[in-house]
Amino acid sequence: MTVDDGATLEEGPPEPEDVVIVPYDLLWPHRFVEAAGELRAALGDAVERIDHIGSTAVPGLPAKDVIDIQISVASFEPAEAYDEPLRRLGYEQLPDPEEPRHRFYRRPYERPRRVNIHVCESGGTWERRHLLFRDYLRTSKDVREAYARLKHEVSDRLRTNRYQYTAAKGPFIRETEQTADDWASASAWAPGPPDA
């Protein structure tokens, strides 16, 4: 599962929304801050980091108009520490059978969907991978532009199938993650402070 595609989970409610890629929106960071403030107030000390991830976190990158928020917790247990506050805010968890280091939440009846929540363990590979991918795209104009072209090409072809859209981008994302790992080693990259 890739973060900026939201649920690619084969379980759970069907996705009636088409894949619509829009130009980068200067309001995305503000929408993140608003949502993150609500999450921070509800979750308190249960979280260690709240970060804006995915394509909407990369200035200049077109994306689906959905803000991806990564919440890092010290441990998945006890789940009640984050699960109950998220449910009170209207979010429900969808299972991710392919990725045990990730908990995915969304508001099931929100149309259009505005926010995806990704809960991961602080310091884990899920957290690192998504922060690194975001930061690498922010610094690499050529890769960012190639990703933008791919998103448009694939969404034009697979507009009505979110799962196939996500799968079609997989090889590019995996290759970029490897390049980003090399970049991180060469540049001594480390996650910066949390976004909220």
Protein backbone atom coordinates (compact mmCIF):
# COMPACT_ATOMS: atom_id res chain seq x y z
CA MET A 1 0.00 0.00 0.00
CA THR A 2 1.27 3.45 -0.83
CA VAL A 3 0.30 6.32 1.32
CA ASP A 4 -0.75 8.88 -1.21
CA ASP A 5 -3.22 6.50 -2.73
CA GLY A 6 -5.13 5.95 0.46
CA ALA A 7 -6.84 2.62 0.71
CA THR A 8 -5.65 0.10 -1.77
CA LEU A 9 -7.05 -2.52 0.53
CA GLU A 10 -9.12 -5.15 -1.17
CA GLU A 11 -11.26 -5.44 1.97
CA GLY A 12 -13.71 -2.89 3.26
CA PRO A 13 -16.28 -0.71 1.54
CA PRO A 14 -15.97 -0.26 -2.22
CA GLU A 15 -14.46 2.96 -3.54
CA PRO A 16 -17.03 4.70 -5.74
CA GLU A 17 -14.80 7.73 -6.31
CA ASP A 18 -12.94 8.13 -9.58
CA VAL A 19 -9.21 8.81 -9.52
CA VAL A 20 -8.98 12.52 -10.25
CA ILE A 21 -5.56 14.16 -10.23
CA VAL A 22 -5.63 17.91 -9.67
CA PRO A 23 -2.84 20.51 -9.73
CA TYR A 24 -1.00 21.23 -6.50
CA ASP A 25 -3.21 23.33 -4.23
CA LEU A 26 -1.69 25.96 -1.93
CA LEU A 27 -4.49 25.20 0.54
CA TRP A 28 -3.31 21.61 1.15
CA PRO A 29 -0.80 22.57 3.86
CA HIS A 30 -3.51 24.62 5.60
CA ARG A 31 -5.96 21.73 5.43
CA PHE A 32 -3.29 19.52 6.98
CA VAL A 33 -2.71 21.98 9.83
CA GLU A 34 -6.45 22.15 10.53
CA ALA A 35 -6.88 18.36 10.55
CA ALA A 36 -3.67 17.80 12.51
CA GLY A 37 -4.81 20.27 15.17
CA GLU A 38 -8.05 18.34 15.61
CA LEU A 39 -6.09 15.07 15.83
CA ARG A 40 -3.52 16.44 18.29
CA ALA A 41 -6.31 17.73 20.55
CA ALA A 42 -8.10 14.37 20.46
CA LEU A 43 -5.05 12.12 20.77
CA GLY A 44 -2.83 14.12 23.16
CA ASP A 45 0.10 12.15 24.51
CA ALA A 46 -0.92 8.99 22.62
CA VAL A 47 1.08 10.22 19.61
CA GLU A 48 4.75 11.03 19.16
CA ARG A 49 4.54 12.61 15.70
CA ILE A 50 1.92 13.88 13.29
CA ASP A 51 3.20 14.42 9.74
CA HIS A 52 1.81 15.49 6.38
CA ILE A 53 2.82 12.78 3.91
CA GLY A 54 1.89 11.67 0.42
CA SER A 55 1.68 13.77 -2.71
CA THR A 56 -0.27 16.64 -1.15
CA ALA A 57 2.78 17.21 1.11
CA VAL A 58 5.07 17.83 -1.89
CA PRO A 59 4.87 21.41 -3.22
CA GLY A 60 4.22 21.47 -6.95
CA LEU A 61 3.15 17.82 -7.21
CA PRO A 62 -0.34 17.13 -8.58
CA ALA A 63 -2.39 14.69 -6.52
CA LYS A 64 -5.79 13.44 -5.58
CA ASP A 65 -7.44 16.04 -3.36
CA VAL A 66 -7.03 13.95 -0.18
CA ILE A 67 -4.67 14.87 2.66
CA ASP A 68 -2.62 11.96 4.02
CA ILE A 69 -1.68 12.26 7.67
CA GLN A 70 0.79 9.94 9.38
CA ILE A 71 0.38 9.49 13.13
CA SER A 72 3.36 7.86 14.86
CA VAL A 73 2.73 6.08 18.15
CA ALA A 74 5.23 4.48 20.53
CA SER A 75 3.46 1.13 20.15
CA PHE A 76 0.33 -0.25 18.52
CA GLU A 77 -0.70 -1.54 21.94
CA PRO A 78 -2.81 -0.51 23.67
CA ALA A 79 -4.78 0.29 20.54
CA GLU A 80 -7.46 2.07 22.57
CA ALA A 81 -5.06 4.99 23.08
CA TYR A 82 -5.44 6.05 19.44
CA ASP A 83 -8.34 3.95 18.13
CA GLU A 84 -11.02 5.30 20.44
CA PRO A 85 -10.19 9.00 19.88
CA LEU A 86 -10.09 8.45 16.10
CA ARG A 87 -13.48 6.73 16.22
CA ARG A 88 -14.92 9.64 18.22
CA LEU A 89 -13.78 11.90 15.35
CA GLY A 90 -15.67 9.68 12.89
CA TYR A 91 -12.72 7.67 11.53
CA GLU A 92 -12.96 3.91 11.09
CA GLN A 93 -10.10 1.48 10.61
CA LEU A 94 -9.83 -0.59 7.46
CA PRO A 95 -7.63 -3.68 7.68
CA ASP A 96 -4.35 -3.75 5.79
CA PRO A 97 -3.55 -7.46 5.53
CA GLU A 98 -0.40 -6.80 3.48
CA GLU A 99 1.22 -4.39 5.94
CA PRO A 100 1.21 -5.27 9.65
CA ARG A 101 3.17 -2.08 10.49
CA HIS A 102 0.30 0.16 9.42
CA ARG A 103 -3.21 1.01 10.59
CA PHE A 104 -5.38 2.85 8.05
CA TYR A 105 -8.34 5.06 9.01
CA ARG A 106 -10.82 7.15 7.07
CA ARG A 107 -14.28 8.57 7.49
CA PRO A 108 -16.29 5.97 5.56
CA TYR A 109 -19.15 8.20 4.49
CA GLU A 110 -17.16 11.35 3.76
CA ARG A 111 -17.71 12.24 0.11
CA PRO A 112 -15.59 13.52 -1.31
CA ARG A 113 -13.01 12.00 0.99
CA ARG A 114 -10.78 14.71 2.44
CA VAL A 115 -8.38 12.94 4.83
CA ASN A 116 -6.64 9.56 5.19
CA ILE A 117 -5.03 8.65 8.52
CA HIS A 118 -2.06 6.30 8.67
CA VAL A 119 -1.01 5.10 12.13
CA CYS A 120 2.47 3.59 12.41
CA GLU A 121 5.04 2.90 15.11
CA SER A 122 7.54 5.63 15.81
CA GLY A 123 10.99 4.82 14.44
CA GLY A 124 9.67 1.93 12.35
CA THR A 125 10.16 1.21 8.67
CA TRP A 126 6.68 2.45 7.68
CA GLU A 127 7.33 5.84 9.27
CA ARG A 128 10.80 6.19 7.77
CA ARG A 129 9.78 5.06 4.28
CA HIS A 130 7.00 7.61 3.91
CA LEU A 131 8.89 10.54 5.39
CA LEU A 132 11.90 9.73 3.20
CA PHE A 133 9.79 9.37 0.03
CA ARG A 134 8.15 12.73 0.72
CA ASP A 135 11.43 14.49 1.46
CA TYR A 136 13.16 12.99 -1.57
CA LEU A 137 10.36 14.15 -3.89
CA ARG A 138 10.59 17.62 -2.34
CA THR A 139 14.28 17.86 -3.25
CA SER A 140 14.33 16.08 -6.62
CA LYS A 141 12.60 18.11 -9.34
CA ASP A 142 13.24 15.53 -12.09
CA VAL A 143 11.75 12.66 -10.09
CA ARG A 144 8.83 14.83 -8.96
CA GLU A 145 8.06 15.77 -12.59
CA ALA A 146 8.36 12.15 -13.74
CA TYR A 147 5.98 11.09 -10.97
CA ALA A 148 3.52 13.82 -11.97
CA ARG A 149 3.55 12.63 -15.60
CA LEU A 150 3.00 9.04 -14.50
CA LYS A 151 0.09 9.98 -12.24
CA HIS A 152 -1.65 11.79 -15.11
CA GLU A 153 -1.02 8.98 -17.61
CA VAL A 154 -2.23 6.25 -15.27
CA SER A 155 -5.24 8.18 -13.97
CA ASP A 156 -6.34 8.93 -17.55
CA ARG A 157 -6.20 5.22 -18.33
CA LEU A 158 -7.54 3.81 -15.04
CA ARG A 159 -9.76 6.62 -13.77
CA THR A 160 -12.52 4.35 -12.50
CA ASN A 161 -10.34 1.75 -10.77
CA ARG A 162 -8.40 3.03 -7.77
CA TYR A 163 -6.80 -0.37 -7.09
CA GLN A 164 -5.39 -0.72 -10.62
CA TYR A 165 -4.26 2.91 -10.55
CA THR A 166 -2.25 2.23 -7.40
CA ALA A 167 -0.81 -1.02 -8.74
CA ALA A 168 0.28 0.66 -11.99
CA LYS A 169 2.35 3.19 -10.05
CA GLY A 170 4.00 0.51 -7.90
CA PRO A 171 7.15 -0.10 -9.96
CA PHE A 172 7.94 3.63 -10.13
CA ILE A 173 7.39 4.03 -6.39
CA ARG A 174 9.58 1.04 -5.51
CA GLU A 175 12.38 2.28 -7.78
CA THR A 176 12.12 5.77 -6.31
CA GLU A 177 12.22 4.39 -2.78
CA GLN A 178 15.49 2.63 -3.59
CA THR A 179 16.97 5.80 -5.09
CA ALA A 180 15.74 7.73 -2.05
CA ASP A 181 17.51 5.25 0.25
CA ASP A 182 20.76 5.86 -1.63
CA TRP A 183 20.18 9.62 -1.40
CA ALA A 184 19.48 9.33 2.35
CA SER A 185 22.76 7.49 2.92
CA ALA A 186 24.76 9.98 0.86
CA SER A 187 23.16 13.04 2.44
CA ALA A 188 22.88 11.73 6.03
CA TRP A 189 19.13 12.33 5.83
CA ALA A 190 17.13 11.91 9.00
CA PRO A 191 13.49 12.74 9.71
CA GLY A 192 13.09 16.34 10.75
CA PRO A 193 10.79 17.54 13.50
CA PRO A 194 7.14 16.50 13.25
CA ASP A 195 4.81 18.68 11.20
CA ALA A 196 2.33 18.99 14.07
